[in-house]
Amino acid sequence: METWTKLSQKHDAMLIEGAGGITVPYGPNFTVTDLAKRVQLPLLIVARPDLGTINHVLLTIHYAQSNGLQVAGIIFNGLKTRGLAERTNPALLKEMTDVPLLGIIPWTDRRRDRNHVLSLFRRYLNIDMLIPYIKKEIKQ
């Protein structure tokens, strides 16, 4: 938490990446959920767009909210194919949850440069939906 405190005093906004899911342990008796509670920032759920995503996302939202965490949005990342699940998951999630879908980012070769990745974010993500969360955090 010392590193978090130092960095949060230096920057107006920060994005912290969890690893592997909301219940993943970072150490003995300390999980991604525990970190999220300590830093008190809204969560972004980044999920694969294929089969199993509906279950994964809905369970993550439920677990996060039952632990007092706010979920700001959902991002599908790494879309490779447009099978049935990939075509229907976005609409199903919109029907099944109030958490907004911020975008669907296509798969890209990891060797691409930073500018290419940023161009995908600009093209496929609705970042404007996060502005209220960012401004709220800056004001505190």
Protein backbone atom coordinates (compact mmCIF):
# COMPACT_ATOMS: atom_id res chain seq x y z
CA MET A 1 0.00 0.00 0.00
CA GLU A 2 2.95 2.30 0.46
CA THR A 3 3.68 2.23 -3.28
CA TRP A 4 0.02 2.92 -4.05
CA THR A 5 0.00 5.91 -1.72
CA LYS A 6 3.14 7.40 -3.28
CA LEU A 7 1.93 6.89 -6.85
CA SER A 8 -1.59 8.19 -6.18
CA GLN A 9 -0.11 11.42 -4.82
CA LYS A 10 1.91 11.88 -8.05
CA HIS A 11 -0.86 11.19 -10.59
CA ASP A 12 -4.37 12.53 -11.15
CA ALA A 13 -5.64 9.17 -12.42
CA MET A 14 -4.35 5.61 -12.28
CA LEU A 15 -5.33 2.25 -13.67
CA ILE A 16 -4.41 -0.85 -11.68
CA GLU A 17 -4.42 -4.19 -13.45
CA GLY A 18 -5.56 -7.28 -11.59
CA ALA A 19 -4.28 -10.64 -12.69
CA GLY A 20 -6.49 -13.55 -13.63
CA GLY A 21 -9.71 -12.64 -11.87
CA ILE A 22 -11.23 -11.08 -8.79
CA THR A 23 -10.51 -14.00 -6.44
CA VAL A 24 -6.89 -14.62 -7.46
CA PRO A 25 -4.54 -14.63 -4.47
CA TYR A 26 -1.64 -12.18 -4.42
CA GLY A 27 -0.26 -13.80 -1.30
CA PRO A 28 -1.41 -15.50 1.88
CA ASN A 29 -4.84 -14.15 2.82
CA PHE A 30 -4.68 -11.32 0.24
CA THR A 31 -6.57 -11.38 -3.07
CA VAL A 32 -7.41 -9.07 -5.95
CA THR A 33 -10.63 -8.29 -4.04
CA ASP A 34 -8.65 -7.19 -0.98
CA LEU A 35 -6.52 -4.87 -3.11
CA ALA A 36 -9.62 -3.41 -4.80
CA LYS A 37 -11.18 -2.73 -1.40
CA ARG A 38 -8.05 -0.97 -0.16
CA VAL A 39 -7.63 1.34 -3.13
CA GLN A 40 -11.40 1.95 -3.42
CA LEU A 41 -11.44 2.40 -7.20
CA PRO A 42 -14.23 1.23 -9.52
CA LEU A 43 -13.53 -2.00 -11.40
CA LEU A 44 -13.34 -2.72 -15.11
CA ILE A 45 -14.00 -6.32 -16.03
CA VAL A 46 -11.87 -7.36 -18.99
CA ALA A 47 -13.14 -10.65 -20.39
CA ARG A 48 -12.58 -12.89 -23.34
CA PRO A 49 -15.45 -12.62 -25.81
CA ASP A 50 -16.05 -16.33 -26.39
CA LEU A 51 -18.01 -19.21 -24.89
CA GLY A 52 -18.24 -19.04 -21.09
CA THR A 53 -18.03 -15.27 -20.89
CA ILE A 54 -21.60 -14.67 -19.74
CA ASN A 55 -21.09 -16.90 -16.70
CA HIS A 56 -17.64 -15.47 -15.97
CA VAL A 57 -18.75 -11.85 -16.19
CA LEU A 58 -22.00 -12.26 -14.24
CA LEU A 59 -20.24 -14.16 -11.44
CA THR A 60 -17.52 -11.50 -11.30
CA ILE A 61 -20.08 -8.68 -11.12
CA HIS A 62 -22.02 -10.49 -8.38
CA TYR A 63 -18.89 -11.26 -6.36
CA ALA A 64 -17.56 -7.71 -6.71
CA GLN A 65 -20.85 -6.09 -5.71
CA SER A 66 -21.39 -8.48 -2.81
CA ASN A 67 -17.97 -7.35 -1.54
CA GLY A 68 -18.95 -3.68 -1.74
CA LEU A 69 -17.06 -2.95 -4.95
CA GLN A 70 -18.37 -0.81 -7.79
CA VAL A 71 -18.12 -2.14 -11.36
CA ALA A 72 -17.72 0.66 -13.91
CA GLY A 73 -17.85 -1.41 -17.08
CA ILE A 74 -17.04 -4.48 -19.11
CA ILE A 75 -14.50 -4.76 -21.94
CA PHE A 76 -14.25 -7.75 -24.26
CA ASN A 77 -10.64 -8.22 -25.27
CA GLY A 78 -9.03 -10.36 -27.94
CA LEU A 79 -11.88 -11.01 -30.38
CA LYS A 80 -10.57 -13.46 -33.01
CA THR A 81 -13.65 -15.06 -34.52
CA ARG A 82 -17.33 -14.23 -34.83
CA GLY A 83 -18.95 -17.47 -33.74
CA LEU A 84 -22.36 -17.67 -32.11
CA ALA A 85 -21.09 -16.81 -28.63
CA GLU A 86 -19.06 -13.83 -29.85
CA ARG A 87 -22.05 -12.51 -31.82
CA THR A 88 -24.59 -12.90 -29.00
CA ASN A 89 -22.64 -12.27 -25.77
CA PRO A 90 -22.73 -8.44 -25.94
CA ALA A 91 -26.52 -8.28 -26.34
CA LEU A 92 -27.09 -10.95 -23.69
CA LEU A 93 -24.95 -9.08 -21.17
CA LYS A 94 -26.84 -5.85 -21.87
CA GLU A 95 -30.08 -7.70 -21.05
CA MET A 96 -28.71 -9.41 -17.95
CA THR A 97 -26.83 -6.60 -16.19
CA ASP A 98 -26.85 -2.83 -15.79
CA VAL A 99 -23.04 -2.72 -16.05
CA PRO A 100 -22.20 -1.07 -19.39
CA LEU A 101 -20.22 -2.77 -22.13
CA LEU A 102 -17.47 -0.29 -22.97
CA GLY A 103 -16.24 -2.03 -26.09
CA ILE A 104 -14.95 -5.08 -27.91
CA ILE A 105 -11.26 -4.99 -28.79
CA PRO A 106 -10.14 -7.28 -31.60
CA TRP A 107 -7.22 -9.64 -31.18
CA THR A 108 -3.93 -8.20 -32.33
CA ASP A 109 -0.44 -9.59 -32.72
CA ARG A 110 1.38 -8.84 -29.47
CA ARG A 111 4.41 -7.69 -31.43
CA ARG A 112 2.54 -4.63 -32.67
CA ASP A 113 3.74 -1.31 -31.39
CA ARG A 114 2.19 0.80 -28.64
CA ASN A 115 0.62 3.24 -31.12
CA HIS A 116 -1.26 0.40 -32.79
CA VAL A 117 -2.68 -0.79 -29.46
CA LEU A 118 -3.68 2.77 -28.54
CA SER A 119 -5.40 3.16 -31.90
CA LEU A 120 -7.47 0.04 -31.14
CA PHE A 121 -8.49 1.50 -27.78
CA ARG A 122 -9.53 4.77 -29.40
CA ARG A 123 -11.46 3.00 -32.12
CA TYR A 124 -13.23 0.26 -30.14
CA LEU A 125 -13.67 1.56 -26.58
CA ASN A 126 -16.19 4.07 -25.28
CA ILE A 127 -13.80 5.75 -22.86
CA ASP A 128 -16.26 8.62 -22.34
CA MET A 129 -18.35 6.29 -20.17
CA LEU A 130 -15.47 6.24 -17.65
CA ILE A 131 -15.15 10.02 -17.32
CA PRO A 132 -17.62 10.28 -14.41
CA TYR A 133 -15.55 7.72 -12.47
CA ILE A 134 -12.28 9.46 -13.25
CA LYS A 135 -13.57 12.91 -12.29
CA LYS A 136 -15.10 11.51 -9.11
CA GLU A 137 -11.75 10.05 -8.07
CA ILE A 138 -9.84 13.25 -8.88
CA LYS A 139 -12.17 15.36 -6.72
CA GLN A 140 -11.64 13.24 -3.60
